[in-house]
């Protein structure tokens, strides 16, 4: 089972790709560098539940949409289901 950071990283990466944004472009929306987005997506940079609204706003999606593709078991462990 994945932890919250892993789920966030995977889903941010997935949504960015779906929107055909580069890491640099998403970084501009977030006010960070493309390298920082790379670190977030690879799990090298710690993210928390507090970061979720920023990611959603930058991607133009809701929190529900961000986690729509997460594994149900992972969501349950994190108390999100």
PDB file of N, CA and C in Angstrom:
ATOM      1  N   UNK A   1       0.831  -1.183   0.000  1.00  0.00           N
ATOM      2  CA  UNK A   1       0.000   0.000   0.000  1.00  0.00           C
ATOM      3  C   UNK A   1       0.876   1.248   0.000  1.00  0.00           C
ATOM      4  N   UNK A   2       0.429   2.234  -0.710  1.00  0.00           N
ATOM      5  CA  UNK A   2       1.188   3.469  -0.839  1.00  0.00           C
ATOM      6  C   UNK A   2       0.850   4.428   0.297  1.00  0.00           C
ATOM      7  N   UNK A   3       1.783   5.334   0.554  1.00  0.00           N
ATOM      8  CA  UNK A   3       1.495   6.383   1.524  1.00  0.00           C
ATOM      9  C   UNK A   3       0.965   7.605   0.775  1.00  0.00           C
ATOM     10  N   UNK A   4       0.523   8.598   1.528  1.00  0.00           N
ATOM     11  CA  UNK A   4      -0.083   9.782   0.932  1.00  0.00           C
ATOM     12  C   UNK A   4       0.864  10.456  -0.054  1.00  0.00           C
ATOM     13  N   UNK A   5       2.114  10.591   0.295  1.00  0.00           N
ATOM     14  CA  UNK A   5       3.078  11.267  -0.575  1.00  0.00           C
ATOM     15  C   UNK A   5       3.207  10.541  -1.917  1.00  0.00           C
ATOM     16  N   UNK A   6       3.240   9.224  -1.881  1.00  0.00           N
ATOM     17  CA  UNK A   6       3.368   8.448  -3.114  1.00  0.00           C
ATOM     18  C   UNK A   6       2.145   8.614  -3.999  1.00  0.00           C
ATOM     19  N   UNK A   7       0.966   8.608  -3.387  1.00  0.00           N
ATOM     20  CA  UNK A   7      -0.276   8.779  -4.146  1.00  0.00           C
ATOM     21  C   UNK A   7      -0.337  10.179  -4.756  1.00  0.00           C
ATOM     22  N   UNK A   8       0.018  11.191  -3.969  1.00  0.00           N
ATOM     23  CA  UNK A   8       0.025  12.566  -4.490  1.00  0.00           C
ATOM     24  C   UNK A   8       0.991  12.669  -5.668  1.00  0.00           C
ATOM     25  N   UNK A   9       2.192  12.157  -5.499  1.00  0.00           N
ATOM     26  CA  UNK A   9       3.209  12.247  -6.555  1.00  0.00           C
ATOM     27  C   UNK A   9       2.722  11.599  -7.843  1.00  0.00           C
ATOM     28  N   UNK A  10       2.195  10.395  -7.733  1.00  0.00           N
ATOM     29  CA  UNK A  10       1.738   9.670  -8.920  1.00  0.00           C
ATOM     30  C   UNK A  10       0.582  10.387  -9.598  1.00  0.00           C
ATOM     31  N   UNK A  11      -0.339  10.907  -8.820  1.00  0.00           N
ATOM     32  CA  UNK A  11      -1.513  11.539  -9.411  1.00  0.00           C
ATOM     33  C   UNK A  11      -1.214  12.925  -9.971  1.00  0.00           C
ATOM     34  N   UNK A  12      -0.312  13.666  -9.357  1.00  0.00           N
ATOM     35  CA  UNK A  12       0.118  14.945  -9.934  1.00  0.00           C
ATOM     36  C   UNK A  12       0.805  14.685 -11.275  1.00  0.00           C
ATOM     37  N   UNK A  13       1.684  13.705 -11.303  1.00  0.00           N
ATOM     38  CA  UNK A  13       2.385  13.349 -12.543  1.00  0.00           C
ATOM     39  C   UNK A  13       1.381  12.934 -13.625  1.00  0.00           C
ATOM     40  N   UNK A  14       0.415  12.122 -13.260  1.00  0.00           N
ATOM     41  CA  UNK A  14      -0.600  11.651 -14.202  1.00  0.00           C
ATOM     42  C   UNK A  14      -1.447  12.799 -14.748  1.00  0.00           C
ATOM     43  N   UNK A  15      -1.901  13.668 -13.876  1.00  0.00           N
ATOM     44  CA  UNK A  15      -2.731  14.795 -14.316  1.00  0.00           C
ATOM     45  C   UNK A  15      -1.937  15.772 -15.164  1.00  0.00           C
ATOM     46  N   UNK A  16      -0.673  16.009 -14.800  1.00  0.00           N
ATOM     47  CA  UNK A  16       0.170  16.903 -15.598  1.00  0.00           C
ATOM     48  C   UNK A  16       0.323  16.343 -17.005  1.00  0.00           C
ATOM     49  N   UNK A  17       0.553  15.045 -17.093  1.00  0.00           N
ATOM     50  CA  UNK A  17       0.703  14.403 -18.401  1.00  0.00           C
ATOM     51  C   UNK A  17      -0.599  14.460 -19.189  1.00  0.00           C
ATOM     52  N   UNK A  18      -1.727  14.235 -18.502  1.00  0.00           N
ATOM     53  CA  UNK A  18      -3.023  14.278 -19.172  1.00  0.00           C
ATOM     54  C   UNK A  18      -3.284  15.653 -19.780  1.00  0.00           C
ATOM     55  N   UNK A  19      -2.840  16.689 -19.068  1.00  0.00           N
ATOM     56  CA  UNK A  19      -3.019  18.064 -19.542  1.00  0.00           C
ATOM     57  C   UNK A  19      -1.937  18.493 -20.541  1.00  0.00           C
ATOM     58  N   UNK A  20      -0.978  17.594 -20.769  1.00  0.00           N
ATOM     59  CA  UNK A  20       0.129  17.853 -21.692  1.00  0.00           C
ATOM     60  C   UNK A  20       0.951  19.065 -21.264  1.00  0.00           C
ATOM     61  N   UNK A  21       1.153  19.180 -19.943  1.00  0.00           N
ATOM     62  CA  UNK A  21       1.996  20.242 -19.395  1.00  0.00           C
ATOM     63  C   UNK A  21       3.389  19.694 -19.149  1.00  0.00           C
ATOM     64  N   UNK A  22       4.384  20.517 -19.369  1.00  0.00           N
ATOM     65  CA  UNK A  22       5.734  20.134 -18.969  1.00  0.00           C
ATOM     66  C   UNK A  22       5.874  20.376 -17.468  1.00  0.00           C
ATOM     67  N   UNK A  23       6.920  19.822 -16.898  1.00  0.00           N
ATOM     68  CA  UNK A  23       7.178  20.075 -15.483  1.00  0.00           C
ATOM     69  C   UNK A  23       7.426  21.564 -15.258  1.00  0.00           C
ATOM     70  N   UNK A  24       8.075  22.193 -16.184  1.00  0.00           N
ATOM     71  CA  UNK A  24       8.322  23.631 -16.073  1.00  0.00           C
ATOM     72  C   UNK A  24       7.016  24.424 -16.079  1.00  0.00           C
ATOM     73  N   UNK A  25       6.106  24.052 -16.977  1.00  0.00           N
ATOM     74  CA  UNK A  25       4.822  24.755 -17.055  1.00  0.00           C
ATOM     75  C   UNK A  25       4.015  24.588 -15.758  1.00  0.00           C
ATOM     76  N   UNK A  26       3.992  23.372 -15.223  1.00  0.00           N
ATOM     77  CA  UNK A  26       3.285  23.167 -13.960  1.00  0.00           C
ATOM     78  C   UNK A  26       3.984  23.936 -12.853  1.00  0.00           C
ATOM     79  N   UNK A  27       5.301  23.946 -12.879  1.00  0.00           N
ATOM     80  CA  UNK A  27       6.056  24.704 -11.890  1.00  0.00           C
ATOM     81  C   UNK A  27       5.692  26.181 -11.914  1.00  0.00           C
ATOM     82  N   UNK A  28       5.527  26.737 -13.104  1.00  0.00           N
ATOM     83  CA  UNK A  28       5.130  28.143 -13.221  1.00  0.00           C
ATOM     84  C   UNK A  28       3.769  28.374 -12.569  1.00  0.00           C
ATOM     85  N   UNK A  29       2.860  27.445 -12.751  1.00  0.00           N
ATOM     86  CA  UNK A  29       1.536  27.562 -12.140  1.00  0.00           C
ATOM     87  C   UNK A  29       1.607  27.467 -10.616  1.00  0.00           C
ATOM     88  N   UNK A  30       2.563  26.672 -10.137  1.00  0.00           N
ATOM     89  CA  UNK A  30       2.723  26.481  -8.694  1.00  0.00           C
ATOM     90  C   UNK A  30       3.640  27.517  -8.057  1.00  0.00           C
ATOM     91  N   UNK A  31       4.391  28.253  -8.885  1.00  0.00           N
ATOM     92  CA  UNK A  31       5.358  29.209  -8.362  1.00  0.00           C
ATOM     93  C   UNK A  31       6.640  28.554  -7.891  1.00  0.00           C
ATOM     94  N   UNK A  32       6.985  27.420  -8.530  1.00  0.00           N
ATOM     95  CA  UNK A  32       8.220  26.706  -8.209  1.00  0.00           C
ATOM     96  C   UNK A  32       8.927  26.358  -9.520  1.00  0.00           C
ATOM     97  N   UNK A  33      10.103  25.808  -9.430  1.00  0.00           N
ATOM     98  CA  UNK A  33      10.848  25.432 -10.633  1.00  0.00           C
ATOM     99  C   UNK A  33      10.377  24.089 -11.185  1.00  0.00           C
ATOM    100  N   UNK A  34      10.722  23.842 -12.426  1.00  0.00           N
ATOM    101  CA  UNK A  34      10.451  22.547 -13.030  1.00  0.00           C
ATOM    102  C   UNK A  34      11.177  21.435 -12.301  1.00  0.00           C
ATOM    103  N   UNK A  35      12.361  21.729 -11.781  1.00  0.00           N
ATOM    104  CA  UNK A  35      13.114  20.738 -11.004  1.00  0.00           C
ATOM    105  C   UNK A  35      12.367  20.361  -9.730  1.00  0.00           C
ATOM    106  N   UNK A  36      11.708  21.342  -9.114  1.00  0.00           N
ATOM    107  CA  UNK A  36      10.922  21.055  -7.918  1.00  0.00           C
ATOM    108  C   UNK A  36       9.750  20.142  -8.266  1.00  0.00           C
ATOM    109  N   UNK A  37       9.088  20.403  -9.397  1.00  0.00           N
ATOM    110  CA  UNK A  37       7.997  19.526  -9.831  1.00  0.00           C
ATOM    111  C   UNK A  37       8.528  18.123 -10.067  1.00  0.00           C
ATOM    112  N   UNK A  38       9.685  18.009 -10.685  1.00  0.00           N
ATOM    113  CA  UNK A  38      10.300  16.706 -10.900  1.00  0.00           C
ATOM    114  C   UNK A  38      10.520  15.988  -9.571  1.00  0.00           C
ATOM    115  N   UNK A  39      11.030  16.715  -8.594  1.00  0.00           N
ATOM    116  CA  UNK A  39      11.264  16.126  -7.268  1.00  0.00           C
ATOM    117  C   UNK A  39       9.956  15.699  -6.599  1.00  0.00           C
ATOM    118  N   UNK A  40       8.896  16.482  -6.774  1.00  0.00           N
ATOM    119  CA  UNK A  40       7.586  16.132  -6.218  1.00  0.00           C
ATOM    120  C   UNK A  40       7.083  14.849  -6.875  1.00  0.00           C
ATOM    121  N   UNK A  41       7.144  14.808  -8.192  1.00  0.00           N
ATOM    122  CA  UNK A  41       6.618  13.663  -8.932  1.00  0.00           C
ATOM    123  C   UNK A  41       7.409  12.385  -8.685  1.00  0.00           C
ATOM    124  N   UNK A  42       8.669  12.518  -8.382  1.00  0.00           N
ATOM    125  CA  UNK A  42       9.490  11.327  -8.136  1.00  0.00           C
ATOM    126  C   UNK A  42       9.509  10.928  -6.661  1.00  0.00           C
ATOM    127  N   UNK A  43       8.873  11.730  -5.823  1.00  0.00           N
ATOM    128  CA  UNK A  43       8.840  11.420  -4.394  1.00  0.00           C
ATOM    129  C   UNK A  43      10.083  11.854  -3.647  1.00  0.00           C
ATOM    130  N   UNK A  44      10.961  12.591  -4.309  1.00  0.00           N
ATOM    131  CA  UNK A  44      12.182  13.059  -3.658  1.00  0.00           C
ATOM    132  C   UNK A  44      11.943  14.296  -2.806  1.00  0.00           C
ATOM    133  N   UNK A  45      10.814  14.946  -3.029  1.00  0.00           N
ATOM    134  CA  UNK A  45      10.453  16.120  -2.239  1.00  0.00           C
ATOM    135  C   UNK A  45       9.198  15.777  -1.446  1.00  0.00           C
ATOM    136  N   UNK A  46       9.227  16.029  -0.178  1.00  0.00           N
ATOM    137  CA  UNK A  46       8.106  15.699   0.688  1.00  0.00           C
ATOM    138  C   UNK A  46       6.913  16.595   0.390  1.00  0.00           C
ATOM    139  N   UNK A  47       5.760  15.968   0.244  1.00  0.00           N
ATOM    140  CA  UNK A  47       4.508  16.693   0.090  1.00  0.00           C
ATOM    141  C   UNK A  47       3.574  16.246   1.209  1.00  0.00           C
ATOM    142  N   UNK A  48       2.625  17.094   1.520  1.00  0.00           N
ATOM    143  CA  UNK A  48       1.686  16.790   2.585  1.00  0.00           C
ATOM    144  C   UNK A  48       0.269  17.087   2.122  1.00  0.00           C
ATOM    145  N   UNK A  49      -0.665  16.776   2.962  1.00  0.00           N
ATOM    146  CA  UNK A  49      -2.068  17.084   2.658  1.00  0.00           C
ATOM    147  C   UNK A  49      -2.262  18.581   2.450  1.00  0.00           C
ATOM    148  N   UNK A  50      -1.452  19.395   3.082  1.00  0.00           N
ATOM    149  CA  UNK A  50      -1.566  20.846   2.928  1.00  0.00           C
ATOM    150  C   UNK A  50      -1.223  21.315   1.512  1.00  0.00           C
ATOM    151  N   UNK A  51      -0.452  20.510   0.768  1.00  0.00           N
ATOM    152  CA  UNK A  51      -0.081  20.865  -0.606  1.00  0.00           C
ATOM    153  C   UNK A  51      -1.186  20.555  -1.611  1.00  0.00           C
ATOM    154  N   UNK A  52      -2.121  19.704  -1.249  1.00  0.00           N
ATOM    155  CA  UNK A  52      -3.131  19.228  -2.191  1.00  0.00           C
ATOM    156  C   UNK A  52      -3.935  20.359  -2.837  1.00  0.00           C
ATOM    157  N   UNK A  53      -4.446  21.328  -2.077  1.00  0.00           N
ATOM    158  CA  UNK A  53      -5.207  22.402  -2.731  1.00  0.00           C
ATOM    159  C   UNK A  53      -4.405  23.169  -3.783  1.00  0.00           C
ATOM    160  N   UNK A  54      -3.129  23.403  -3.519  1.00  0.00           N
ATOM    161  CA  UNK A  54      -2.275  24.105  -4.513  1.00  0.00           C
ATOM    162  C   UNK A  54      -2.152  23.289  -5.788  1.00  0.00           C
ATOM    163  N   UNK A  55      -1.914  21.989  -5.638  1.00  0.00           N
ATOM    164  CA  UNK A  55      -1.798  21.126  -6.814  1.00  0.00           C
ATOM    165  C   UNK A  55      -3.100  21.121  -7.602  1.00  0.00           C
ATOM    166  N   UNK A  56      -4.208  20.998  -6.902  1.00  0.00           N
ATOM    167  CA  UNK A  56      -5.513  20.974  -7.575  1.00  0.00           C
ATOM    168  C   UNK A  56      -5.778  22.271  -8.323  1.00  0.00           C
ATOM    169  N   UNK A  57      -5.488  23.384  -7.692  1.00  0.00           N
ATOM    170  CA  UNK A  57      -5.697  24.677  -8.352  1.00  0.00           C
ATOM    171  C   UNK A  57      -4.817  24.790  -9.600  1.00  0.00           C
ATOM    172  N   UNK A  58      -3.562  24.407  -9.477  1.00  0.00           N
ATOM    173  CA  UNK A  58      -2.635  24.503 -10.611  1.00  0.00           C
ATOM    174  C   UNK A  58      -3.037  23.584 -11.760  1.00  0.00           C
ATOM    175  N   UNK A  59      -3.645  22.454 -11.428  1.00  0.00           N
ATOM    176  CA  UNK A  59      -4.055  21.495 -12.448  1.00  0.00           C
ATOM    177  C   UNK A  59      -5.491  21.713 -12.925  1.00  0.00           C
ATOM    178  N   UNK A  60      -6.221  22.592 -12.237  1.00  0.00           N
ATOM    179  CA  UNK A  60      -7.595  22.870 -12.619  1.00  0.00           C
ATOM    180  C   UNK A  60      -8.546  21.708 -12.347  1.00  0.00           C
ATOM    181  N   UNK A  61      -8.291  20.990 -11.258  1.00  0.00           N
ATOM    182  CA  UNK A  61      -9.124  19.844 -10.901  1.00  0.00           C
ATOM    183  C   UNK A  61      -9.530  19.936  -9.435  1.00  0.00           C
ATOM    184  N   UNK A  62     -10.483  19.103  -9.060  1.00  0.00           N
ATOM    185  CA  UNK A  62     -10.910  19.035  -7.661  1.00  0.00           C
ATOM    186  C   UNK A  62     -10.083  17.994  -6.917  1.00  0.00           C
ATOM    187  N   UNK A  63     -10.165  18.029  -5.616  1.00  0.00           N
ATOM    188  CA  UNK A  63      -9.473  17.017  -4.809  1.00  0.00           C
ATOM    189  C   UNK A  63      -9.994  15.633  -5.169  1.00  0.00           C
ATOM    190  N   UNK A  64     -11.288  15.515  -5.361  1.00  0.00           N
ATOM    191  CA  UNK A  64     -11.875  14.229  -5.749  1.00  0.00           C
ATOM    192  C   UNK A  64     -11.262  13.731  -7.052  1.00  0.00           C
ATOM    193  N   UNK A  65     -11.100  14.620  -8.012  1.00  0.00           N
ATOM    194  CA  UNK A  65     -10.502  14.234  -9.290  1.00  0.00           C
ATOM    195  C   UNK A  65      -9.040  13.830  -9.118  1.00  0.00           C
ATOM    196  N   UNK A  66      -8.323  14.517  -8.240  1.00  0.00           N
ATOM    197  CA  UNK A  66      -6.914  14.180  -8.021  1.00  0.00           C
ATOM    198  C   UNK A  66      -6.766  12.753  -7.517  1.00  0.00           C
ATOM    199  N   UNK A  67      -7.694  12.319  -6.677  1.00  0.00           N
ATOM    200  CA  UNK A  67      -7.593  10.983  -6.091  1.00  0.00           C
ATOM    201  C   UNK A  67      -8.464   9.943  -6.779  1.00  0.00           C
ATOM    202  N   UNK A  68      -9.142  10.323  -7.863  1.00  0.00           N
ATOM    203  CA  UNK A  68     -10.063   9.410  -8.537  1.00  0.00           C
ATOM    204  C   UNK A  68      -9.381   8.136  -9.023  1.00  0.00           C
ATOM    205  N   UNK A  69      -8.134   8.220  -9.392  1.00  0.00           N
ATOM    206  CA  UNK A  69      -7.433   7.058  -9.938  1.00  0.00           C
ATOM    207  C   UNK A  69      -6.586   6.322  -8.906  1.00  0.00           C
ATOM    208  N   UNK A  70      -6.625   6.775  -7.674  1.00  0.00           N
ATOM    209  CA  UNK A  70      -5.854   6.102  -6.622  1.00  0.00           C
ATOM    210  C   UNK A  70      -6.503   4.768  -6.280  1.00  0.00           C
ATOM    211  N   UNK A  71      -5.693   3.835  -5.836  1.00  0.00           N
ATOM    212  CA  UNK A  71      -6.194   2.526  -5.432  1.00  0.00           C
ATOM    213  C   UNK A  71      -7.098   2.663  -4.213  1.00  0.00           C
ATOM    214  N   UNK A  72      -8.266   2.032  -4.222  1.00  0.00           N
ATOM    215  CA  UNK A  72      -9.183   2.126  -3.071  1.00  0.00           C
ATOM    216  C   UNK A  72      -8.530   1.742  -1.742  1.00  0.00           C
ATOM    217  N   UNK A  73      -7.677   0.728  -1.735  1.00  0.00           N
ATOM    218  CA  UNK A  73      -7.003   0.345  -0.493  1.00  0.00           C
ATOM    219  C   UNK A  73      -6.120   1.458   0.039  1.00  0.00           C
ATOM    220  N   UNK A  74      -5.442   2.147  -0.870  1.00  0.00           N
ATOM    221  CA  UNK A  74      -4.573   3.259  -0.459  1.00  0.00           C
ATOM    222  C   UNK A  74      -5.389   4.395   0.131  1.00  0.00           C
ATOM    223  N   UNK A  75      -6.506   4.703  -0.506  1.00  0.00           N
ATOM    224  CA  UNK A  75      -7.361   5.768   0.005  1.00  0.00           C
ATOM    225  C   UNK A  75      -7.912   5.423   1.386  1.00  0.00           C
ATOM    226  N   UNK A  76      -8.280   4.168   1.576  1.00  0.00           N
ATOM    227  CA  UNK A  76      -8.792   3.735   2.872  1.00  0.00           C
ATOM    228  C   UNK A  76      -7.777   3.856   3.971  1.00  0.00           C
ATOM    229  N   UNK A  77      -6.547   3.471   3.704  1.00  0.00           N
ATOM    230  CA  UNK A  77      -5.471   3.568   4.690  1.00  0.00           C
ATOM    231  C   UNK A  77      -5.226   5.019   5.082  1.00  0.00           C
ATOM    232  N   UNK A  78      -5.388   5.925   4.127  1.00  0.00           N
ATOM    233  CA  UNK A  78      -5.153   7.338   4.382  1.00  0.00           C
ATOM    234  C   UNK A  78      -6.378   8.036   4.934  1.00  0.00           C
ATOM    235  N   UNK A  79      -7.474   7.300   5.123  1.00  0.00           N
ATOM    236  CA  UNK A  79      -8.697   7.892   5.639  1.00  0.00           C
ATOM    237  C   UNK A  79      -9.420   8.758   4.632  1.00  0.00           C
ATOM    238  N   UNK A  80      -9.194   8.509   3.350  1.00  0.00           N
ATOM    239  CA  UNK A  80      -9.805   9.316   2.297  1.00  0.00           C
ATOM    240  C   UNK A  80     -10.966   8.611   1.617  1.00  0.00           C
ATOM    241  N   UNK A  81     -11.359   7.459   2.137  1.00  0.00           N
ATOM    242  CA  UNK A  81     -12.466   6.752   1.512  1.00  0.00           C
ATOM    243  C   UNK A  81     -13.492   6.412   2.543  1.00  0.00           C
TER     244      UNK A  81
END
